[in-house]
PDB file of N, CA and C in Angstrom:
ATOM      1  N   MET A   1     -17.121 -12.602  67.062  1.00  0.00           N
ATOM      2  CA  MET A   1     -17.019 -11.979  65.768  1.00  0.00           C
ATOM      3  C   MET A   1     -15.832 -11.020  65.770  1.00  0.00           C
ATOM      4  N   ALA A   2     -14.802 -11.389  65.130  1.00  0.00           N
ATOM      5  CA  ALA A   2     -13.607 -10.565  65.027  1.00  0.00           C
ATOM      6  C   ALA A   2     -13.714  -9.674  63.804  1.00  0.00           C
ATOM      7  N   ARG A   3     -13.347  -8.389  64.002  1.00  0.00           N
ATOM      8  CA  ARG A   3     -13.360  -7.443  62.876  1.00  0.00           C
ATOM      9  C   ARG A   3     -11.980  -7.406  62.263  1.00  0.00           C
ATOM     10  N   ARG A   4     -11.939  -7.328  61.007  1.00  0.00           N
ATOM     11  CA  ARG A   4     -10.664  -7.248  60.297  1.00  0.00           C
ATOM     12  C   ARG A   4     -10.399  -5.782  59.950  1.00  0.00           C
ATOM     13  N   VAL A   5      -9.236  -5.290  60.371  1.00  0.00           N
ATOM     14  CA  VAL A   5      -8.866  -3.901  60.104  1.00  0.00           C
ATOM     15  C   VAL A   5      -7.903  -3.901  58.930  1.00  0.00           C
ATOM     16  N   VAL A   6      -8.202  -3.103  57.936  1.00  0.00           N
ATOM     17  CA  VAL A   6      -7.355  -2.999  56.750  1.00  0.00           C
ATOM     18  C   VAL A   6      -6.659  -1.645  56.805  1.00  0.00           C
ATOM     19  N   ALA A   7      -5.322  -1.679  56.801  1.00  0.00           N
ATOM     20  CA  ALA A   7      -4.540  -0.449  56.820  1.00  0.00           C
ATOM     21  C   ALA A   7      -4.450   0.114  55.415  1.00  0.00           C
ATOM     22  N   GLN A   8      -4.644   1.405  55.303  1.00  0.00           N
ATOM     23  CA  GLN A   8      -4.551   2.057  54.006  1.00  0.00           C
ATOM     24  C   GLN A   8      -3.452   3.106  54.052  1.00  0.00           C
ATOM     25  N   GLN A   9      -2.731   3.249  52.970  1.00  0.00           N
ATOM     26  CA  GLN A   9      -1.683   4.262  52.837  1.00  0.00           C
ATOM     27  C   GLN A   9      -2.320   5.513  52.250  1.00  0.00           C
ATOM     28  N   LEU A  10      -2.136   6.637  52.921  1.00  0.00           N
ATOM     29  CA  LEU A  10      -2.670   7.897  52.416  1.00  0.00           C
ATOM     30  C   LEU A  10      -1.593   8.602  51.610  1.00  0.00           C
ATOM     31  N   GLU A  11      -1.993   9.227  50.531  1.00  0.00           N
ATOM     32  CA  GLU A  11      -1.068  10.019  49.737  1.00  0.00           C
ATOM     33  C   GLU A  11      -1.384  11.487  49.962  1.00  0.00           C
ATOM     34  N   LEU A  12      -0.340  12.252  50.247  1.00  0.00           N
ATOM     35  CA  LEU A  12      -0.501  13.677  50.448  1.00  0.00           C
ATOM     36  C   LEU A  12       0.107  14.417  49.268  1.00  0.00           C
ATOM     37  N   GLU A  13      -0.562  15.453  48.847  1.00  0.00           N
ATOM     38  CA  GLU A  13      -0.062  16.263  47.746  1.00  0.00           C
ATOM     39  C   GLU A  13       0.335  17.624  48.308  1.00  0.00           C
ATOM     40  N   VAL A  14       1.541  18.054  47.980  1.00  0.00           N
ATOM     41  CA  VAL A  14       2.025  19.354  48.428  1.00  0.00           C
ATOM     42  C   VAL A  14       1.655  20.378  47.367  1.00  0.00           C
ATOM     43  N   VAL A  15       0.917  21.376  47.790  1.00  0.00           N
ATOM     44  CA  VAL A  15       0.482  22.424  46.872  1.00  0.00           C
ATOM     45  C   VAL A  15       1.161  23.716  47.299  1.00  0.00           C
ATOM     46  N   PRO A  16       1.950  24.341  46.412  1.00  0.00           N
ATOM     47  CA  PRO A  16       2.622  25.591  46.795  1.00  0.00           C
ATOM     48  C   PRO A  16       1.605  26.721  46.970  1.00  0.00           C
ATOM     49  N   ILE A  17       1.907  27.589  47.898  1.00  0.00           N
ATOM     50  CA  ILE A  17       1.047  28.738  48.160  1.00  0.00           C
ATOM     51  C   ILE A  17       1.464  29.855  47.216  1.00  0.00           C
ATOM     52  N   GLU A  18       0.507  30.403  46.516  1.00  0.00           N
ATOM     53  CA  GLU A  18       0.802  31.487  45.589  1.00  0.00           C
ATOM     54  C   GLU A  18       0.807  32.812  46.332  1.00  0.00           C
ATOM     55  N   GLN A  19       1.827  33.625  46.068  1.00  0.00           N
ATOM     56  CA  GLN A  19       1.920  34.942  46.683  1.00  0.00           C
ATOM     57  C   GLN A  19       1.081  35.928  45.886  1.00  0.00           C
ATOM     58  N   PRO A  20       0.406  36.835  46.560  1.00  0.00           N
ATOM     59  CA  PRO A  20      -0.362  37.839  45.819  1.00  0.00           C
ATOM     60  C   PRO A  20       0.577  38.760  45.056  1.00  0.00           C
ATOM     61  N   GLU A  21       0.102  39.296  43.943  1.00  0.00           N
ATOM     62  CA  GLU A  21       0.931  40.168  43.119  1.00  0.00           C
ATOM     63  C   GLU A  21       1.254  41.467  43.829  1.00  0.00           C
ATOM     64  N   LYS A  22       0.286  42.058  44.489  1.00  0.00           N
ATOM     65  CA  LYS A  22       0.505  43.297  45.232  1.00  0.00           C
ATOM     66  C   LYS A  22       0.400  43.003  46.709  1.00  0.00           C
ATOM     67  N   SER A  23       1.335  43.540  47.481  1.00  0.00           N
ATOM     68  CA  SER A  23       1.239  43.349  48.924  1.00  0.00           C
ATOM     69  C   SER A  23       0.194  44.308  49.478  1.00  0.00           C
ATOM     70  N   ARG A  24      -0.524  43.847  50.474  1.00  0.00           N
ATOM     71  CA  ARG A  24      -1.547  44.682  51.092  1.00  0.00           C
ATOM     72  C   ARG A  24      -0.881  45.711  51.977  1.00  0.00           C
ATOM     73  N   GLN A  25      -1.433  46.885  51.992  1.00  0.00           N
ATOM     74  CA  GLN A  25      -0.943  47.925  52.889  1.00  0.00           C
ATOM     75  C   GLN A  25      -1.958  48.098  53.996  1.00  0.00           C
ATOM     76  N   HIS A  26      -1.486  48.039  55.218  1.00  0.00           N
ATOM     77  CA  HIS A  26      -2.362  48.194  56.371  1.00  0.00           C
ATOM     78  C   HIS A  26      -2.319  49.636  56.833  1.00  0.00           C
ATOM     79  N   GLY A  27      -3.370  50.033  57.455  1.00  0.00           N
ATOM     80  CA  GLY A  27      -3.422  51.386  58.010  1.00  0.00           C
ATOM     81  C   GLY A  27      -3.580  52.417  56.911  1.00  0.00           C
ATOM     82  N   ASN A  28      -3.065  53.617  57.170  1.00  0.00           N
ATOM     83  CA  ASN A  28      -3.227  54.694  56.205  1.00  0.00           C
ATOM     84  C   ASN A  28      -1.916  55.059  55.524  1.00  0.00           C
ATOM     85  N   SER A  29      -0.904  54.188  55.576  1.00  0.00           N
ATOM     86  CA  SER A  29       0.363  54.494  54.926  1.00  0.00           C
ATOM     87  C   SER A  29       0.205  54.299  53.423  1.00  0.00           C
ATOM     88  N   SER A  30       0.446  55.364  52.682  1.00  0.00           N
ATOM     89  CA  SER A  30       0.260  55.285  51.243  1.00  0.00           C
ATOM     90  C   SER A  30       1.578  55.175  50.506  1.00  0.00           C
ATOM     91  N   ALA A  31       2.690  55.493  51.145  1.00  0.00           N
ATOM     92  CA  ALA A  31       3.991  55.435  50.486  1.00  0.00           C
ATOM     93  C   ALA A  31       4.850  54.364  51.132  1.00  0.00           C
ATOM     94  N   ALA A  32       5.767  53.824  50.365  1.00  0.00           N
ATOM     95  CA  ALA A  32       6.695  52.830  50.886  1.00  0.00           C
ATOM     96  C   ALA A  32       7.679  53.512  51.831  1.00  0.00           C
ATOM     97  N   PRO A  33       8.164  52.821  52.875  1.00  0.00           N
ATOM     98  CA  PRO A  33       9.076  53.449  53.828  1.00  0.00           C
ATOM     99  C   PRO A  33      10.338  54.013  53.176  1.00  0.00           C
ATOM    100  N   ALA A  34      10.851  53.356  52.135  1.00  0.00           N
ATOM    101  CA  ALA A  34      12.060  53.846  51.483  1.00  0.00           C
ATOM    102  C   ALA A  34      11.816  55.205  50.838  1.00  0.00           C
ATOM    103  N   ALA A  35      10.601  55.440  50.363  1.00  0.00           N
ATOM    104  CA  ALA A  35      10.288  56.699  49.713  1.00  0.00           C
ATOM    105  C   ALA A  35      10.176  57.844  50.720  1.00  0.00           C
ATOM    106  N   LEU A  36       9.975  57.528  51.980  1.00  0.00           N
ATOM    107  CA  LEU A  36       9.818  58.555  53.000  1.00  0.00           C
ATOM    108  C   LEU A  36      11.140  59.073  53.543  1.00  0.00           C
ATOM    109  N   GLY A  37      12.215  58.368  53.319  1.00  0.00           N
ATOM    110  CA  GLY A  37      13.511  58.777  53.825  1.00  0.00           C
ATOM    111  C   GLY A  37      13.966  57.878  54.954  1.00  0.00           C
ATOM    112  N   PRO A  38      15.027  58.265  55.645  1.00  0.00           N
ATOM    113  CA  PRO A  38      15.549  57.414  56.721  1.00  0.00           C
ATOM    114  C   PRO A  38      14.578  57.346  57.894  1.00  0.00           C
ATOM    115  N   ARG A  39      14.616  56.235  58.606  1.00  0.00           N
ATOM    116  CA  ARG A  39      13.730  56.045  59.760  1.00  0.00           C
ATOM    117  C   ARG A  39      14.166  56.943  60.902  1.00  0.00           C
ATOM    118  N   LEU A  40      13.222  57.500  61.584  1.00  0.00           N
ATOM    119  CA  LEU A  40      13.498  58.369  62.720  1.00  0.00           C
ATOM    120  C   LEU A  40      13.383  57.632  64.040  1.00  0.00           C
ATOM    121  N   ALA A  41      12.604  56.552  64.072  1.00  0.00           N
ATOM    122  CA  ALA A  41      12.384  55.802  65.308  1.00  0.00           C
ATOM    123  C   ALA A  41      12.323  54.315  64.998  1.00  0.00           C
ATOM    124  N   LEU A  42      12.657  53.514  66.025  1.00  0.00           N
ATOM    125  CA  LEU A  42      12.683  52.065  65.894  1.00  0.00           C
ATOM    126  C   LEU A  42      11.869  51.429  67.005  1.00  0.00           C
ATOM    127  N   SER A  43      11.398  50.225  66.760  1.00  0.00           N
ATOM    128  CA  SER A  43      10.755  49.458  67.818  1.00  0.00           C
ATOM    129  C   SER A  43      11.855  48.934  68.749  1.00  0.00           C
ATOM    130  N   PRO A  44      11.521  48.505  69.952  1.00  0.00           N
ATOM    131  CA  PRO A  44      12.545  47.949  70.840  1.00  0.00           C
ATOM    132  C   PRO A  44      13.285  46.748  70.235  1.00  0.00           C
ATOM    133  N   ASP A  45      12.587  45.893  69.491  1.00  0.00           N
ATOM    134  CA  ASP A  45      13.255  44.764  68.836  1.00  0.00           C
ATOM    135  C   ASP A  45      14.276  45.253  67.812  1.00  0.00           C
ATOM    136  N   GLU A  46      13.883  46.254  67.022  1.00  0.00           N
ATOM    137  CA  GLU A  46      14.793  46.806  66.025  1.00  0.00           C
ATOM    138  C   GLU A  46      15.964  47.523  66.689  1.00  0.00           C
ATOM    139  N   ALA A  47      15.707  48.242  67.771  1.00  0.00           N
ATOM    140  CA  ALA A  47      16.773  48.940  68.488  1.00  0.00           C
ATOM    141  C   ALA A  47      17.786  47.950  69.056  1.00  0.00           C
ATOM    142  N   ALA A  48      17.297  46.840  69.602  1.00  0.00           N
ATOM    143  CA  ALA A  48      18.202  45.818  70.120  1.00  0.00           C
ATOM    144  C   ALA A  48      19.061  45.242  69.002  1.00  0.00           C
ATOM    145  N   ALA A  49      18.456  44.998  67.851  1.00  0.00           N
ATOM    146  CA  ALA A  49      19.202  44.452  66.712  1.00  0.00           C
ATOM    147  C   ALA A  49      20.252  45.444  66.221  1.00  0.00           C
ATOM    148  N   VAL A  50      19.894  46.725  66.176  1.00  0.00           N
ATOM    149  CA  VAL A  50      20.844  47.744  65.726  1.00  0.00           C
ATOM    150  C   VAL A  50      22.021  47.856  66.689  1.00  0.00           C
ATOM    151  N   LEU A  51      21.740  47.758  67.993  1.00  0.00           N
ATOM    152  CA  LEU A  51      22.804  47.838  68.991  1.00  0.00           C
ATOM    153  C   LEU A  51      23.613  46.551  69.087  1.00  0.00           C
ATOM    154  N   GLY A  52      23.069  45.460  68.565  1.00  0.00           N
ATOM    155  CA  GLY A  52      23.778  44.184  68.622  1.00  0.00           C
ATOM    156  C   GLY A  52      23.624  43.469  69.950  1.00  0.00           C
ATOM    157  N   VAL A  53      22.503  43.700  70.618  1.00  0.00           N
ATOM    158  CA  VAL A  53      22.235  43.044  71.899  1.00  0.00           C
ATOM    159  C   VAL A  53      20.893  42.327  71.801  1.00  0.00           C
ATOM    160  N   SER A  54      20.619  41.460  72.767  1.00  0.00           N
ATOM    161  CA  SER A  54      19.327  40.771  72.784  1.00  0.00           C
ATOM    162  C   SER A  54      18.242  41.719  73.300  1.00  0.00           C
ATOM    163  N   ARG A  55      17.014  41.379  73.029  1.00  0.00           N
ATOM    164  CA  ARG A  55      15.889  42.190  73.504  1.00  0.00           C
ATOM    165  C   ARG A  55      15.852  42.165  75.034  1.00  0.00           C
ATOM    166  N   ASP A  56      16.165  41.025  75.650  1.00  0.00           N
ATOM    167  CA  ASP A  56      16.188  40.944  77.114  1.00  0.00           C
ATOM    168  C   ASP A  56      17.230  41.893  77.696  1.00  0.00           C
ATOM    169  N   TYR A  57      18.418  41.937  77.076  1.00  0.00           N
ATOM    170  CA  TYR A  57      19.473  42.829  77.558  1.00  0.00           C
ATOM    171  C   TYR A  57      19.040  44.285  77.419  1.00  0.00           C
ATOM    172  N   LEU A  58      18.417  44.617  76.295  1.00  0.00           N
ATOM    173  CA  LEU A  58      17.928  45.983  76.088  1.00  0.00           C
ATOM    174  C   LEU A  58      16.928  46.351  77.183  1.00  0.00           C
ATOM    175  N   ASP A  59      15.983  45.454  77.460  1.00  0.00           N
ATOM    176  CA  ASP A  59      14.964  45.726  78.480  1.00  0.00           C
ATOM    177  C   ASP A  59      15.569  45.884  79.868  1.00  0.00           C
ATOM    178  N   GLU A  60      16.534  45.046  80.219  1.00  0.00           N
ATOM    179  CA  GLU A  60      17.085  45.050  81.578  1.00  0.00           C
ATOM    180  C   GLU A  60      18.120  46.142  81.824  1.00  0.00           C
ATOM    181  N   HIS A  61      18.920  46.481  80.812  1.00  0.00           N
ATOM    182  CA  HIS A  61      20.067  47.360  81.064  1.00  0.00           C
ATOM    183  C   HIS A  61      20.028  48.698  80.329  1.00  0.00           C
ATOM    184  N   ILE A  62      19.369  48.767  79.211  1.00  0.00           N
ATOM    185  CA  ILE A  62      19.478  49.969  78.376  1.00  0.00           C
ATOM    186  C   ILE A  62      18.193  50.780  78.350  1.00  0.00           C
ATOM    187  N   LEU A  63      17.060  50.137  78.252  1.00  0.00           N
ATOM    188  CA  LEU A  63      15.794  50.825  78.021  1.00  0.00           C
ATOM    189  C   LEU A  63      15.463  51.837  79.109  1.00  0.00           C
ATOM    190  N   ARG A  64      15.845  51.572  80.335  1.00  0.00           N
ATOM    191  CA  ARG A  64      15.525  52.516  81.421  1.00  0.00           C
ATOM    192  C   ARG A  64      16.300  53.822  81.289  1.00  0.00           C
ATOM    193  N   GLU A  65      17.390  53.823  80.505  1.00  0.00           N
ATOM    194  CA  GLU A  65      18.176  55.039  80.299  1.00  0.00           C
ATOM    195  C   GLU A  65      17.752  55.799  79.046  1.00  0.00           C
ATOM    196  N   LEU A  66      16.862  55.227  78.268  1.00  0.00           N
ATOM    197  CA  LEU A  66      16.428  55.849  77.020  1.00  0.00           C
ATOM    198  C   LEU A  66      15.086  56.537  77.195  1.00  0.00           C
ATOM    199  N   ARG A  67      14.910  57.642  76.514  1.00  0.00           N
ATOM    200  CA  ARG A  67      13.602  58.267  76.424  1.00  0.00           C
ATOM    201  C   ARG A  67      12.878  57.586  75.271  1.00  0.00           C
ATOM    202  N   SER A  68      11.691  57.108  75.539  1.00  0.00           N
ATOM    203  CA  SER A  68      10.937  56.421  74.496  1.00  0.00           C
ATOM    204  C   SER A  68       9.574  57.074  74.332  1.00  0.00           C
ATOM    205  N   ILE A  69       8.933  56.755  73.235  1.00  0.00           N
ATOM    206  CA  ILE A  69       7.626  57.302  72.902  1.00  0.00           C
ATOM    207  C   ILE A  69       6.639  56.157  72.931  1.00  0.00           C
ATOM    208  N   ARG A  70       5.517  56.362  73.584  1.00  0.00           N
ATOM    209  CA  ARG A  70       4.492  55.315  73.659  1.00  0.00           C
ATOM    210  C   ARG A  70       3.216  55.835  73.021  1.00  0.00           C
ATOM    211  N   CYS A  71       2.732  55.100  72.025  1.00  0.00           N
ATOM    212  CA  CYS A  71       1.445  55.384  71.374  1.00  0.00           C
ATOM    213  C   CYS A  71       0.599  54.140  71.544  1.00  0.00           C
ATOM    214  N   GLY A  72      -0.288  54.139  72.528  1.00  0.00           N
ATOM    215  CA  GLY A  72      -1.048  52.932  72.832  1.00  0.00           C
ATOM    216  C   GLY A  72      -0.097  51.857  73.337  1.00  0.00           C
ATOM    217  N   ARG A  73      -0.100  50.718  72.670  1.00  0.00           N
ATOM    218  CA  ARG A  73       0.820  49.642  73.058  1.00  0.00           C
ATOM    219  C   ARG A  73       2.141  49.716  72.299  1.00  0.00           C
ATOM    220  N   ARG A  74       2.210  50.560  71.314  1.00  0.00           N
ATOM    221  CA  ARG A  74       3.411  50.676  70.481  1.00  0.00           C
ATOM    222  C   ARG A  74       4.449  51.530  71.185  1.00  0.00           C
ATOM    223  N   VAL A  75       5.692  51.029  71.245  1.00  0.00           N
ATOM    224  CA  VAL A  75       6.803  51.763  71.839  1.00  0.00           C
ATOM    225  C   VAL A  75       7.797  52.073  70.732  1.00  0.00           C
ATOM    226  N   LEU A  76       8.216  53.330  70.655  1.00  0.00           N
ATOM    227  CA  LEU A  76       9.200  53.752  69.665  1.00  0.00           C
ATOM    228  C   LEU A  76      10.373  54.419  70.358  1.00  0.00           C
ATOM    229  N   ILE A  77      11.563  54.158  69.838  1.00  0.00           N
ATOM    230  CA  ILE A  77      12.783  54.764  70.364  1.00  0.00           C
ATOM    231  C   ILE A  77      13.428  55.520  69.216  1.00  0.00           C
ATOM    232  N   ALA A  78      13.656  56.809  69.424  1.00  0.00           N
ATOM    233  CA  ALA A  78      14.259  57.639  68.380  1.00  0.00           C
ATOM    234  C   ALA A  78      15.697  57.183  68.122  1.00  0.00           C
ATOM    235  N   VAL A  79      16.072  57.158  66.851  1.00  0.00           N
ATOM    236  CA  VAL A  79      17.437  56.788  66.469  1.00  0.00           C
ATOM    237  C   VAL A  79      18.425  57.751  67.122  1.00  0.00           C
ATOM    238  N   HIS A  80      18.057  59.033  67.161  1.00  0.00           N
ATOM    239  CA  HIS A  80      18.907  60.034  67.804  1.00  0.00           C
ATOM    240  C   HIS A  80      19.116  59.711  69.285  1.00  0.00           C
ATOM    241  N   GLU A  81      18.090  59.178  69.935  1.00  0.00           N
ATOM    242  CA  GLU A  81      18.186  58.802  71.349  1.00  0.00           C
ATOM    243  C   GLU A  81      19.168  57.647  71.535  1.00  0.00           C
ATOM    244  N   LEU A  82      19.168  56.683  70.620  1.00  0.00           N
ATOM    245  CA  LEU A  82      20.142  55.585  70.681  1.00  0.00           C
ATOM    246  C   LEU A  82      21.561  56.108  70.517  1.00  0.00           C
ATOM    247  N   GLU A  83      21.743  57.041  69.590  1.00  0.00           N
ATOM    248  CA  GLU A  83      23.072  57.636  69.381  1.00  0.00           C
ATOM    249  C   GLU A  83      23.523  58.402  70.619  1.00  0.00           C
ATOM    250  N   ARG A  84      22.596  59.139  71.238  1.00  0.00           N
ATOM    251  CA  ARG A  84      22.920  59.886  72.456  1.00  0.00           C
ATOM    252  C   ARG A  84      23.328  58.940  73.578  1.00  0.00           C
ATOM    253  N   TRP A  85      22.587  57.823  73.723  1.00  0.00           N
ATOM    254  CA  TRP A  85      22.915  56.848  74.761  1.00  0.00           C
ATOM    255  C   TRP A  85      24.293  56.238  74.516  1.00  0.00           C
ATOM    256  N   LEU A  86      24.601  55.917  73.263  1.00  0.00           N
ATOM    257  CA  LEU A  86      25.916  55.352  72.947  1.00  0.00           C
ATOM    258  C   LEU A  86      27.032  56.321  73.301  1.00  0.00           C
ATOM    259  N   ASP A  87      26.857  57.610  72.987  1.00  0.00           N
ATOM    260  CA  ASP A  87      27.870  58.608  73.324  1.00  0.00           C
ATOM    261  C   ASP A  87      28.076  58.708  74.829  1.00  0.00           C
ATOM    262  N   ARG A  88      26.966  58.750  75.586  1.00  0.00           N
ATOM    263  CA  ARG A  88      27.081  58.837  77.042  1.00  0.00           C
ATOM    264  C   ARG A  88      27.680  57.581  77.649  1.00  0.00           C
ATOM    265  N   ALA A  89      27.262  56.415  77.144  1.00  0.00           N
ATOM    266  CA  ALA A  89      27.759  55.150  77.690  1.00  0.00           C
ATOM    267  C   ALA A  89      29.254  54.991  77.396  1.00  0.00           C
ATOM    268  N   SER A  90      29.687  55.395  76.225  1.00  0.00           N
ATOM    269  CA  SER A  90      31.113  55.261  75.908  1.00  0.00           C
ATOM    270  C   SER A  90      31.936  56.260  76.705  1.00  0.00           C
ATOM    271  N   ALA A  91      31.402  57.436  77.014  1.00  0.00           N
ATOM    272  CA  ALA A  91      32.121  58.416  77.834  1.00  0.00           C
ATOM    273  C   ALA A  91      32.267  57.912  79.268  1.00  0.00           C
ATOM    274  N   ARG A  92      31.230  57.227  79.790  1.00  0.00           N
ATOM    275  CA  ARG A  92      31.302  56.659  81.148  1.00  0.00           C
ATOM    276  C   ARG A  92      32.337  55.570  81.225  1.00  0.00           C
ATOM    277  N   ARG A  93      32.420  54.727  80.215  1.00  0.00           N
ATOM    278  CA  ARG A  93      33.344  53.595  80.222  1.00  0.00           C
ATOM    279  C   ARG A  93      34.784  54.040  80.073  1.00  0.00           C
ATOM    280  N   CYS A  94      35.000  55.099  79.293  1.00  0.00           N
ATOM    281  CA  CYS A  94      36.360  55.556  79.015  1.00  0.00           C
ATOM    282  C   CYS A  94      36.925  56.464  80.102  1.00  0.00           C
ATOM    283  N   ALA A  95      36.073  57.121  80.875  1.00  0.00           N
ATOM    284  CA  ALA A  95      36.533  58.083  81.878  1.00  0.00           C
ATOM    285  C   ALA A  95      37.045  57.407  83.120  1.00  0.00           C
TER     286      ALA A  95
END
């Protein structure tokens, strides 16, 4: 007894995802970051992007020279600290 297999073509419908009208705010932040003023600290990923280097390069060569702030698992690097490191690093290279 041979079974006959019938192939069927499935049709897929693409349904766009609707974005919510208001974005959810996590935590206790009640104001938008722009309303608070300029950022005082950056994450390591953001610091690497600002310096124009990869995150791996930041971790291997720069981060050990920076003072950073740790809150639980969150690491923050003060913008002023990045500026200080740039001044010191450029003075070492030029001298």
